[in-house]
Each structure stands twice: as structure tokens, then as C-alpha cells.
Amino acid sequence: MSAVSTVSSRPVAIVTGGSRGIGRSIAERLAADGFAVVINYFSRRDAADEVAAAIQSTGGDAFVVQADIGVTADRQRLVAETLQHFGRLDALVNNAGITSPGRKDLLEATEESWDQVFATNLKGPFFLAQGAAREMVRLVQAATIERATIINISSISAFAVSTNRADYCMAKAAMQMMTWLLATRLADDQIRVYEVCPGVIASDMTAPVQEKYDKLIADGMSPIRRWGQPGDVAAAVSMLAGGTLPFSTGERIHIDGGFHIRRL
């Protein structure tokens, strides 16, 4: 990586899967908060460019990077290009994820599906966080930044069973331990780590099961009877990335309309 000519005066955030849905909303919210945003995408360059253009049209700063989070070289390149372009890294939002291919019953689940889901939803986020954290530690020690934040986007599937998405549920469940591990290891380095746990959010991923969730929501699946919106998740990320909770780390923030509350 060649030398960086200047260091951004704005804090810098990487948002994986930032070209649409929840990721897009997070990218736009962080940009509105004053972050320069690196919009990571897997295949939809047109969608990522659209997000960048929207951010830039309001005076924000955005940079687009293609990377498959499940691939080692791509993760390394994402961090390297961020540092080359902006000279700093203040926040990582591990948002990219895929659902279980084919949503097969767990007795029919395949190793291929397991490997694909875990590579994108757990292994990728962990090793991306590792690579980002190494740079964040270096930047804090060099007084380039004062603090940093890692935010892992999980799901209520971390604790709510879906027997036709075993690989997805298990990968999301492991993100809580991943968050605790990183939070413990990085606390002395001024890096706070959080998990944001969305419920049923209107997105491309939930569109195929809209009718199912419409009924569940109407029947009181959660105390707040409406679909969650990407902006609801973005609001939580904004709070955490902005340092609003300085004496907190390893916390799970539920954005699920109260679904996690056990009721009789």
C-alpha cells in the first residue's frame, strides 16, 4: 500500500453490504452524522454507486469498494483501500450477510450451504474485525484517532429457532460470543464493540416471506406491532458509532419491537 497523502478530517466508517437495505440506511445515517463512509458491496456496483451519489449530493464523503467478505484477500483489500483513500478507520459495521440458500429443513441441510453461510455471516465478519482492529489499535497508538468502534449486525435468529435455516441461526448466535471476545480484548485499546440485533426488518431478505410476517406482526409477535425499518437499525448504529455509550462495551442492542421479551 502506497503512502497516504492526507488523513481525512472526518471519522471514517466501513459498512459491509452497504449498497442496499439495512446497509444502505446505515451508510446514509453515518454520512449524515459526519462520517466519511466506505460502501462495501459484493455484486451490485450500480446500487453502491447510487448510495455514494446520494451521500455526496448532500455534502458527504463516500468511497465504494467491491469485496466478498467471505474471501481473505477481499477483506484485506477492503481495509487497505480504506486506509489508502482516507488515512484512518474509526468504525467498522459488519452488516453483510446472506440467508440460508433454499431455506432447507435441517435434516436436508447441506455442507455447501453451511460453508457459504458461515463464510459470509461469521468467518468473514470475525476476520474483517480482526484486520480492522489491528489498524485501529495502530491508529489509536499513533494518536491519529482517539477511539474506534466495531458494530456487528446479528439477528433475532440468534435466539429464535428456524429449523429451515439452521446454518443462518447458528452463525448469528455465534456473533454474540464474537462480540464479547472482541470487546474484552480491545477495551484497553479504546475500541468499543457492540452487537445490534434486528428483528423483522423490511428488506430484500424478508420480502419473500412478507405475507407470513404480516400475519405474525398483526397477531402480536412483538409488543410493537409493525415492521421494523432499515432506519430503525441505522439509528442504533448511529448512537453506538457516535460514542454515546462510553462506559459500555459488548452490549447487545435489540431493534426488534420488543420481540426478545418473554411473555406469558
C-alpha atoms as a PDB file:
ATOM      1  CA  MET A   1       0.000   0.000   0.000  1.00  0.00           C
ATOM      2  CA  SER A   2       1.444   3.356  -1.020  1.00  0.00           C
ATOM      3  CA  ALA A   3       1.699   6.282   1.352  1.00  0.00           C
ATOM      4  CA  VAL A   4      -1.420   8.271   2.183  1.00  0.00           C
ATOM      5  CA  SER A   5      -1.187  11.910   1.155  1.00  0.00           C
ATOM      6  CA  THR A   6      -3.691  13.237   3.687  1.00  0.00           C
ATOM      7  CA  VAL A   7      -5.727  11.968   6.609  1.00  0.00           C
ATOM      8  CA  SER A   8      -9.472  12.592   6.469  1.00  0.00           C
ATOM      9  CA  SER A   9     -10.715  15.259   8.831  1.00  0.00           C
ATOM     10  CA  ARG A  10     -13.900  13.223   9.197  1.00  0.00           C
ATOM     11  CA  PRO A  11     -14.135   9.947  11.103  1.00  0.00           C
ATOM     12  CA  VAL A  12     -14.253   7.018   8.670  1.00  0.00           C
ATOM     13  CA  ALA A  13     -16.625   4.039   8.746  1.00  0.00           C
ATOM     14  CA  ILE A  14     -16.691   0.855   6.678  1.00  0.00           C
ATOM     15  CA  VAL A  15     -20.197  -0.507   6.135  1.00  0.00           C
ATOM     16  CA  THR A  16     -20.208  -4.001   4.640  1.00  0.00           C
ATOM     17  CA  GLY A  17     -23.182  -4.858   2.475  1.00  0.00           C
ATOM     18  CA  GLY A  18     -23.759  -1.116   2.232  1.00  0.00           C
ATOM     19  CA  SER A  19     -25.360  -0.937  -1.194  1.00  0.00           C
ATOM     20  CA  ARG A  20     -28.973  -1.668  -0.208  1.00  0.00           C
ATOM     21  CA  GLY A  21     -31.445  -2.365   2.576  1.00  0.00           C
ATOM     22  CA  ILE A  22     -30.171  -2.053   6.117  1.00  0.00           C
ATOM     23  CA  GLY A  23     -26.611  -1.410   4.950  1.00  0.00           C
ATOM     24  CA  ARG A  24     -27.628   1.486   2.758  1.00  0.00           C
ATOM     25  CA  SER A  25     -29.618   3.077   5.572  1.00  0.00           C
ATOM     26  CA  ILE A  26     -26.648   2.710   7.933  1.00  0.00           C
ATOM     27  CA  ALA A  27     -24.263   4.242   5.390  1.00  0.00           C
ATOM     28  CA  GLU A  28     -26.518   7.223   4.779  1.00  0.00           C
ATOM     29  CA  ARG A  29     -27.138   7.769   8.504  1.00  0.00           C
ATOM     30  CA  LEU A  30     -23.431   7.683   9.346  1.00  0.00           C
ATOM     31  CA  ALA A  31     -22.727  10.086   6.497  1.00  0.00           C
ATOM     32  CA  ALA A  32     -25.365  12.444   7.899  1.00  0.00           C
ATOM     33  CA  ASP A  33     -23.601  12.136  11.268  1.00  0.00           C
ATOM     34  CA  GLY A  34     -20.375  13.388   9.692  1.00  0.00           C
ATOM     35  CA  PHE A  35     -18.593  10.137   8.871  1.00  0.00           C
ATOM     36  CA  ALA A  36     -16.821   9.520   5.604  1.00  0.00           C
ATOM     37  CA  VAL A  37     -18.284   6.181   4.550  1.00  0.00           C
ATOM     38  CA  VAL A  38     -16.745   3.247   2.717  1.00  0.00           C
ATOM     39  CA  ILE A  39     -19.602   1.436   0.991  1.00  0.00           C
ATOM     40  CA  ASN A  40     -18.718  -2.208   0.527  1.00  0.00           C
ATOM     41  CA  TYR A  41     -20.701  -4.250  -1.986  1.00  0.00           C
ATOM     42  CA  PHE A  42     -20.466  -7.776  -3.377  1.00  0.00           C
ATOM     43  CA  SER A  43     -22.093  -7.673  -6.838  1.00  0.00           C
ATOM     44  CA  ARG A  44     -24.272  -4.574  -7.308  1.00  0.00           C
ATOM     45  CA  ARG A  45     -21.844  -1.801  -8.265  1.00  0.00           C
ATOM     46  CA  ASP A  46     -24.747   0.238  -9.630  1.00  0.00           C
ATOM     47  CA  ALA A  47     -26.528   0.146  -6.277  1.00  0.00           C
ATOM     48  CA  ALA A  48     -23.359   1.060  -4.378  1.00  0.00           C
ATOM     49  CA  ASP A  49     -22.691   3.978  -6.727  1.00  0.00           C
ATOM     50  CA  GLU A  50     -26.254   5.171  -6.170  1.00  0.00           C
ATOM     51  CA  VAL A  51     -25.703   5.251  -2.406  1.00  0.00           C
ATOM     52  CA  ALA A  52     -22.413   7.087  -2.822  1.00  0.00           C
ATOM     53  CA  ALA A  53     -24.024   9.644  -5.130  1.00  0.00           C
ATOM     54  CA  ALA A  54     -26.849  10.217  -2.643  1.00  0.00           C
ATOM     55  CA  ILE A  55     -24.335  10.831   0.148  1.00  0.00           C
ATOM     56  CA  GLN A  56     -22.195  13.122  -1.973  1.00  0.00           C
ATOM     57  CA  SER A  57     -25.218  15.115  -3.134  1.00  0.00           C
ATOM     58  CA  THR A  58     -25.755  16.291   0.451  1.00  0.00           C
ATOM     59  CA  GLY A  59     -22.113  17.200   1.030  1.00  0.00           C
ATOM     60  CA  GLY A  60     -20.991  13.873   2.436  1.00  0.00           C
ATOM     61  CA  ASP A  61     -17.955  11.786   1.553  1.00  0.00           C
ATOM     62  CA  ALA A  62     -18.318   8.244   0.253  1.00  0.00           C
ATOM     63  CA  PHE A  63     -15.989   5.689  -1.332  1.00  0.00           C
ATOM     64  CA  VAL A  64     -17.097   2.431  -2.966  1.00  0.00           C
ATOM     65  CA  VAL A  65     -15.150  -0.845  -2.605  1.00  0.00           C
ATOM     66  CA  GLN A  66     -16.120  -4.239  -4.028  1.00  0.00           C
ATOM     67  CA  ALA A  67     -15.248  -7.161  -1.760  1.00  0.00           C
ATOM     68  CA  ASP A  68     -16.595 -10.599  -0.907  1.00  0.00           C
ATOM     69  CA  ILE A  69     -16.449 -10.664   2.891  1.00  0.00           C
ATOM     70  CA  GLY A  70     -16.046 -14.435   2.807  1.00  0.00           C
ATOM     71  CA  VAL A  71     -12.729 -14.192   0.909  1.00  0.00           C
ATOM     72  CA  THR A  72      -9.474 -13.451   2.742  1.00  0.00           C
ATOM     73  CA  ALA A  73      -7.844 -11.355   0.029  1.00  0.00           C
ATOM     74  CA  ASP A  74     -11.003  -9.279  -0.435  1.00  0.00           C
ATOM     75  CA  ARG A  75     -11.231  -8.473   3.280  1.00  0.00           C
ATOM     76  CA  GLN A  76      -7.602  -7.411   3.347  1.00  0.00           C
ATOM     77  CA  ARG A  77      -8.083  -5.246   0.269  1.00  0.00           C
ATOM     78  CA  LEU A  78     -11.169  -3.576   1.758  1.00  0.00           C
ATOM     79  CA  VAL A  79      -9.205  -2.406   4.799  1.00  0.00           C
ATOM     80  CA  ALA A  80      -6.152  -1.471   2.729  1.00  0.00           C
ATOM     81  CA  GLU A  81      -8.142   0.618   0.233  1.00  0.00           C
ATOM     82  CA  THR A  82      -9.967   2.373   3.080  1.00  0.00           C
ATOM     83  CA  LEU A  83      -6.675   3.405   4.669  1.00  0.00           C
ATOM     84  CA  GLN A  84      -5.166   4.373   1.348  1.00  0.00           C
ATOM     85  CA  HIS A  85      -8.126   6.592   0.492  1.00  0.00           C
ATOM     86  CA  PHE A  86      -8.852   8.165   3.893  1.00  0.00           C
ATOM     87  CA  GLY A  87      -5.809   7.539   6.067  1.00  0.00           C
ATOM     88  CA  ARG A  88      -7.858   6.400   9.046  1.00  0.00           C
ATOM     89  CA  LEU A  89     -10.534   3.967  10.202  1.00  0.00           C
ATOM     90  CA  ASP A  90     -12.829   4.826  13.119  1.00  0.00           C
ATOM     91  CA  ALA A  91     -15.700   2.363  12.757  1.00  0.00           C
ATOM     92  CA  LEU A  92     -16.492  -0.986  11.191  1.00  0.00           C
ATOM     93  CA  VAL A  93     -20.088  -2.081  10.726  1.00  0.00           C
ATOM     94  CA  ASN A  94     -20.236  -5.812   9.996  1.00  0.00           C
ATOM     95  CA  ASN A  95     -23.569  -5.781   8.197  1.00  0.00           C
ATOM     96  CA  ALA A  96     -23.085  -8.026   5.136  1.00  0.00           C
ATOM     97  CA  GLY A  97     -24.926 -11.317   5.360  1.00  0.00           C
ATOM     98  CA  ILE A  98     -26.865 -13.925   3.405  1.00  0.00           C
ATOM     99  CA  THR A  99     -29.814 -16.103   4.311  1.00  0.00           C
ATOM    100  CA  SER A 100     -29.699 -19.881   4.155  1.00  0.00           C
ATOM    101  CA  PRO A 101     -29.785 -20.936   0.465  1.00  0.00           C
ATOM    102  CA  GLY A 102     -33.047 -22.696  -0.278  1.00  0.00           C
ATOM    103  CA  ARG A 103     -34.156 -22.481   3.368  1.00  0.00           C
ATOM    104  CA  LYS A 104     -33.904 -26.268   3.665  1.00  0.00           C
ATOM    105  CA  ASP A 105     -35.113 -28.293   6.628  1.00  0.00           C
ATOM    106  CA  LEU A 106     -32.187 -29.067   8.912  1.00  0.00           C
ATOM    107  CA  LEU A 107     -32.448 -32.781   8.021  1.00  0.00           C
ATOM    108  CA  GLU A 108     -31.874 -31.806   4.383  1.00  0.00           C
ATOM    109  CA  ALA A 109     -29.251 -29.098   5.010  1.00  0.00           C
ATOM    110  CA  THR A 110     -26.020 -29.386   3.052  1.00  0.00           C
ATOM    111  CA  GLU A 111     -22.373 -28.798   3.856  1.00  0.00           C
ATOM    112  CA  GLU A 112     -22.165 -26.478   0.859  1.00  0.00           C
ATOM    113  CA  SER A 113     -24.849 -24.232   2.334  1.00  0.00           C
ATOM    114  CA  TRP A 114     -23.184 -24.357   5.758  1.00  0.00           C
ATOM    115  CA  ASP A 115     -19.818 -23.327   4.322  1.00  0.00           C
ATOM    116  CA  GLN A 116     -21.338 -20.495   2.283  1.00  0.00           C
ATOM    117  CA  VAL A 117     -23.400 -19.057   5.146  1.00  0.00           C
ATOM    118  CA  PHE A 118     -20.660 -19.335   7.756  1.00  0.00           C
ATOM    119  CA  ALA A 119     -18.055 -17.812   5.420  1.00  0.00           C
ATOM    120  CA  THR A 120     -20.180 -14.700   4.876  1.00  0.00           C
ATOM    121  CA  ASN A 121     -22.029 -14.416   8.185  1.00  0.00           C
ATOM    122  CA  LEU A 122     -19.392 -15.416  10.749  1.00  0.00           C
ATOM    123  CA  LYS A 123     -15.888 -16.193   9.499  1.00  0.00           C
ATOM    124  CA  GLY A 124     -15.821 -13.136   7.248  1.00  0.00           C
ATOM    125  CA  PRO A 125     -17.028 -10.671   9.894  1.00  0.00           C
ATOM    126  CA  PHE A 126     -14.655 -12.108  12.508  1.00  0.00           C
ATOM    127  CA  PHE A 127     -11.528 -11.865  10.380  1.00  0.00           C
ATOM    128  CA  LEU A 128     -12.558  -8.500   8.965  1.00  0.00           C
ATOM    129  CA  ALA A 129     -12.956  -7.252  12.540  1.00  0.00           C
ATOM    130  CA  GLN A 130      -9.549  -8.707  13.351  1.00  0.00           C
ATOM    131  CA  GLY A 131      -7.894  -6.914  10.452  1.00  0.00           C
ATOM    132  CA  ALA A 132      -9.699  -3.654  11.144  1.00  0.00           C
ATOM    133  CA  ALA A 133      -8.894  -3.855  14.862  1.00  0.00           C
ATOM    134  CA  ARG A 134      -5.183  -4.220  14.192  1.00  0.00           C
ATOM    135  CA  GLU A 135      -5.259  -0.989  12.204  1.00  0.00           C
ATOM    136  CA  MET A 136      -7.470   0.746  14.762  1.00  0.00           C
ATOM    137  CA  VAL A 137      -5.015  -0.125  17.545  1.00  0.00           C
ATOM    138  CA  ARG A 138      -2.170   1.276  15.470  1.00  0.00           C
ATOM    139  CA  LEU A 139      -4.108   4.468  14.731  1.00  0.00           C
ATOM    140  CA  VAL A 140      -5.023   4.990  18.395  1.00  0.00           C
ATOM    141  CA  GLN A 141      -1.424   4.462  19.484  1.00  0.00           C
ATOM    142  CA  ALA A 142      -0.273   6.955  16.848  1.00  0.00           C
ATOM    143  CA  ALA A 143      -2.884   9.464  18.098  1.00  0.00           C
ATOM    144  CA  THR A 144      -4.422   9.586  14.607  1.00  0.00           C
ATOM    145  CA  ILE A 145      -7.766   8.690  16.201  1.00  0.00           C
ATOM    146  CA  GLU A 146      -8.889   8.782  19.846  1.00  0.00           C
ATOM    147  CA  ARG A 147     -11.159   5.764  19.820  1.00  0.00           C
ATOM    148  CA  ALA A 148     -12.830   3.296  17.476  1.00  0.00           C
ATOM    149  CA  THR A 149     -15.964   1.166  17.279  1.00  0.00           C
ATOM    150  CA  ILE A 150     -16.870  -2.237  15.838  1.00  0.00           C
ATOM    151  CA  ILE A 151     -20.581  -2.985  15.419  1.00  0.00           C
ATOM    152  CA  ASN A 152     -21.786  -6.465  14.481  1.00  0.00           C
ATOM    153  CA  ILE A 153     -25.253  -6.728  12.948  1.00  0.00           C
ATOM    154  CA  SER A 154     -26.803 -10.032  14.000  1.00  0.00           C
ATOM    155  CA  SER A 155     -30.474 -11.082  14.095  1.00  0.00           C
ATOM    156  CA  ILE A 156     -33.233 -12.362  16.344  1.00  0.00           C
ATOM    157  CA  SER A 157     -32.402 -15.657  14.629  1.00  0.00           C
ATOM    158  CA  ALA A 158     -29.501 -15.759  17.094  1.00  0.00           C
ATOM    159  CA  PHE A 159     -32.033 -16.943  19.696  1.00  0.00           C
ATOM    160  CA  ALA A 160     -35.271 -17.670  17.778  1.00  0.00           C
ATOM    161  CA  VAL A 161     -35.231 -21.083  16.112  1.00  0.00           C
ATOM    162  CA  SER A 162     -35.989 -21.568  12.408  1.00  0.00           C
ATOM    163  CA  THR A 163     -35.470 -25.241  11.552  1.00  0.00           C
ATOM    164  CA  ASN A 164     -35.243 -24.416   7.853  1.00  0.00           C
ATOM    165  CA  ARG A 165     -32.299 -22.045   8.420  1.00  0.00           C
ATOM    166  CA  ALA A 166     -30.057 -23.894  10.849  1.00  0.00           C
ATOM    167  CA  ASP A 167     -26.810 -22.562   9.405  1.00  0.00           C
ATOM    168  CA  TYR A 168     -28.059 -18.967   9.488  1.00  0.00           C
ATOM    169  CA  CYS A 169     -29.318 -19.246  13.093  1.00  0.00           C
ATOM    170  CA  MET A 170     -26.107 -20.821  14.337  1.00  0.00           C
ATOM    171  CA  ALA A 171     -23.862 -18.291  12.626  1.00  0.00           C
ATOM    172  CA  LYS A 172     -25.867 -15.394  14.066  1.00  0.00           C
ATOM    173  CA  ALA A 173     -25.874 -16.964  17.541  1.00  0.00           C
ATOM    174  CA  ALA A 174     -22.071 -17.115  17.470  1.00  0.00           C
ATOM    175  CA  MET A 175     -21.869 -13.357  16.833  1.00  0.00           C
ATOM    176  CA  GLN A 176     -22.709 -12.627  20.460  1.00  0.00           C
ATOM    177  CA  MET A 177     -19.652 -14.531  21.679  1.00  0.00           C
ATOM    178  CA  MET A 178     -17.600 -12.935  18.921  1.00  0.00           C
ATOM    179  CA  THR A 179     -18.723  -9.521  20.175  1.00  0.00           C
ATOM    180  CA  TRP A 180     -17.870 -10.379  23.787  1.00  0.00           C
ATOM    181  CA  LEU A 181     -14.440 -11.682  22.818  1.00  0.00           C
ATOM    182  CA  LEU A 182     -13.563  -8.604  20.783  1.00  0.00           C
ATOM    183  CA  ALA A 183     -14.992  -6.253  23.405  1.00  0.00           C
ATOM    184  CA  THR A 184     -12.853  -7.839  26.120  1.00  0.00           C
ATOM    185  CA  ARG A 185      -9.653  -7.949  24.084  1.00  0.00           C
ATOM    186  CA  LEU A 186      -9.928  -4.405  22.707  1.00  0.00           C
ATOM    187  CA  ALA A 187     -11.226  -2.424  25.691  1.00  0.00           C
ATOM    188  CA  ASP A 188      -7.770  -1.235  26.773  1.00  0.00           C
ATOM    189  CA  ASP A 189      -7.131  -0.067  23.208  1.00  0.00           C
ATOM    190  CA  GLN A 190     -10.090   2.351  23.291  1.00  0.00           C
ATOM    191  CA  ILE A 191     -12.102   0.204  20.874  1.00  0.00           C
ATOM    192  CA  ARG A 192     -15.705  -0.488  21.849  1.00  0.00           C
ATOM    193  CA  VAL A 193     -17.543  -3.458  20.338  1.00  0.00           C
ATOM    194  CA  TYR A 194     -21.313  -3.935  20.137  1.00  0.00           C
ATOM    195  CA  GLU A 195     -23.939  -6.215  18.647  1.00  0.00           C
ATOM    196  CA  VAL A 196     -27.094  -4.801  17.074  1.00  0.00           C
ATOM    197  CA  CYS A 197     -29.828  -7.424  16.874  1.00  0.00           C
ATOM    198  CA  PRO A 198     -32.581  -6.560  14.360  1.00  0.00           C
ATOM    199  CA  GLY A 199     -35.967  -8.227  14.370  1.00  0.00           C
ATOM    200  CA  VAL A 200     -38.261  -8.437  11.357  1.00  0.00           C
ATOM    201  CA  ILE A 201     -36.994  -5.639   9.135  1.00  0.00           C
ATOM    202  CA  ALA A 202     -38.450  -4.737   5.732  1.00  0.00           C
ATOM    203  CA  SER A 203     -35.672  -5.663   3.287  1.00  0.00           C
ATOM    204  CA  ASP A 204     -34.801  -7.810   0.279  1.00  0.00           C
ATOM    205  CA  MET A 205     -34.109 -10.715   2.632  1.00  0.00           C
ATOM    206  CA  THR A 206     -37.576 -10.660   4.225  1.00  0.00           C
ATOM    207  CA  ALA A 207     -39.555  -9.801   1.075  1.00  0.00           C
ATOM    208  CA  PRO A 208     -40.159 -13.475   0.126  1.00  0.00           C
ATOM    209  CA  VAL A 209     -41.844 -14.117   3.499  1.00  0.00           C
ATOM    210  CA  GLN A 210     -43.759 -10.842   3.792  1.00  0.00           C
ATOM    211  CA  GLU A 211     -47.182 -12.479   3.985  1.00  0.00           C
ATOM    212  CA  LYS A 212     -46.060 -14.759   6.821  1.00  0.00           C
ATOM    213  CA  TYR A 213     -44.685 -11.873   8.875  1.00  0.00           C
ATOM    214  CA  ASP A 214     -47.605  -9.568   8.129  1.00  0.00           C
ATOM    215  CA  LYS A 215     -49.835 -12.055   9.941  1.00  0.00           C
ATOM    216  CA  LEU A 216     -47.406 -12.692  12.803  1.00  0.00           C
ATOM    217  CA  ILE A 217     -46.973  -8.975  13.432  1.00  0.00           C
ATOM    218  CA  ALA A 218     -50.721  -8.355  13.341  1.00  0.00           C
ATOM    219  CA  ASP A 219     -51.200 -11.224  15.814  1.00  0.00           C
ATOM    220  CA  GLY A 220     -48.788  -9.635  18.302  1.00  0.00           C
ATOM    221  CA  MET A 221     -45.487 -11.385  17.612  1.00  0.00           C
ATOM    222  CA  SER A 222     -43.842  -8.368  19.252  1.00  0.00           C
ATOM    223  CA  PRO A 223     -45.284  -5.669  21.554  1.00  0.00           C
ATOM    224  CA  ILE A 224     -44.713  -3.004  18.876  1.00  0.00           C
ATOM    225  CA  ARG A 225     -46.952  -4.208  16.058  1.00  0.00           C
ATOM    226  CA  ARG A 226     -45.229  -3.030  12.903  1.00  0.00           C
ATOM    227  CA  TRP A 227     -42.465  -3.990  10.544  1.00  0.00           C
ATOM    228  CA  GLY A 228     -39.061  -2.697  11.505  1.00  0.00           C
ATOM    229  CA  GLN A 229     -37.463  -0.353   9.003  1.00  0.00           C
ATOM    230  CA  PRO A 230     -33.801  -0.138   7.965  1.00  0.00           C
ATOM    231  CA  GLY A 231     -33.715   3.306   9.557  1.00  0.00           C
ATOM    232  CA  ASP A 232     -34.504   1.760  12.937  1.00  0.00           C
ATOM    233  CA  VAL A 233     -31.305  -0.256  12.757  1.00  0.00           C
ATOM    234  CA  ALA A 234     -29.345   2.711  11.426  1.00  0.00           C
ATOM    235  CA  ALA A 235     -30.432   4.801  14.419  1.00  0.00           C
ATOM    236  CA  ALA A 236     -28.883   2.274  16.808  1.00  0.00           C
ATOM    237  CA  VAL A 237     -25.659   2.144  14.813  1.00  0.00           C
ATOM    238  CA  SER A 238     -25.533   5.942  14.815  1.00  0.00           C
ATOM    239  CA  MET A 239     -25.799   6.018  18.600  1.00  0.00           C
ATOM    240  CA  LEU A 240     -23.057   3.444  19.088  1.00  0.00           C
ATOM    241  CA  ALA A 241     -20.636   4.759  16.466  1.00  0.00           C
ATOM    242  CA  GLY A 242     -21.082   8.262  17.844  1.00  0.00           C
ATOM    243  CA  GLY A 243     -19.749   7.226  21.251  1.00  0.00           C
ATOM    244  CA  THR A 244     -22.982   7.902  23.114  1.00  0.00           C
ATOM    245  CA  LEU A 245     -22.332   4.975  25.491  1.00  0.00           C
ATOM    246  CA  PRO A 246     -18.675   5.424  26.520  1.00  0.00           C
ATOM    247  CA  PHE A 247     -18.929   3.181  29.620  1.00  0.00           C
ATOM    248  CA  SER A 248     -20.435   0.259  27.711  1.00  0.00           C
ATOM    249  CA  THR A 249     -18.960  -2.472  25.538  1.00  0.00           C
ATOM    250  CA  GLY A 250     -20.021  -5.960  24.470  1.00  0.00           C
ATOM    251  CA  GLU A 251     -23.660  -4.915  24.689  1.00  0.00           C
ATOM    252  CA  ARG A 252     -26.445  -6.368  22.529  1.00  0.00           C
ATOM    253  CA  ILE A 253     -28.948  -3.724  21.374  1.00  0.00           C
ATOM    254  CA  HIS A 254     -32.296  -5.242  20.372  1.00  0.00           C
ATOM    255  CA  ILE A 255     -34.047  -3.486  17.479  1.00  0.00           C
ATOM    256  CA  ASP A 256     -36.982  -5.877  17.328  1.00  0.00           C
ATOM    257  CA  GLY A 257     -40.098  -4.139  18.612  1.00  0.00           C
ATOM    258  CA  GLY A 258     -39.717  -5.968  21.923  1.00  0.00           C
ATOM    259  CA  PHE A 259     -39.732  -9.456  20.348  1.00  0.00           C
ATOM    260  CA  HIS A 260     -36.989 -10.602  22.754  1.00  0.00           C
ATOM    261  CA  ILE A 261     -39.214 -10.059  25.802  1.00  0.00           C
ATOM    262  CA  ARG A 262     -40.518 -13.396  27.112  1.00  0.00           C
ATOM    263  CA  ARG A 263     -44.252 -13.129  27.693  1.00  0.00           C
ATOM    264  CA  LEU A 264     -46.988 -15.299  29.195  1.00  0.00           C
END
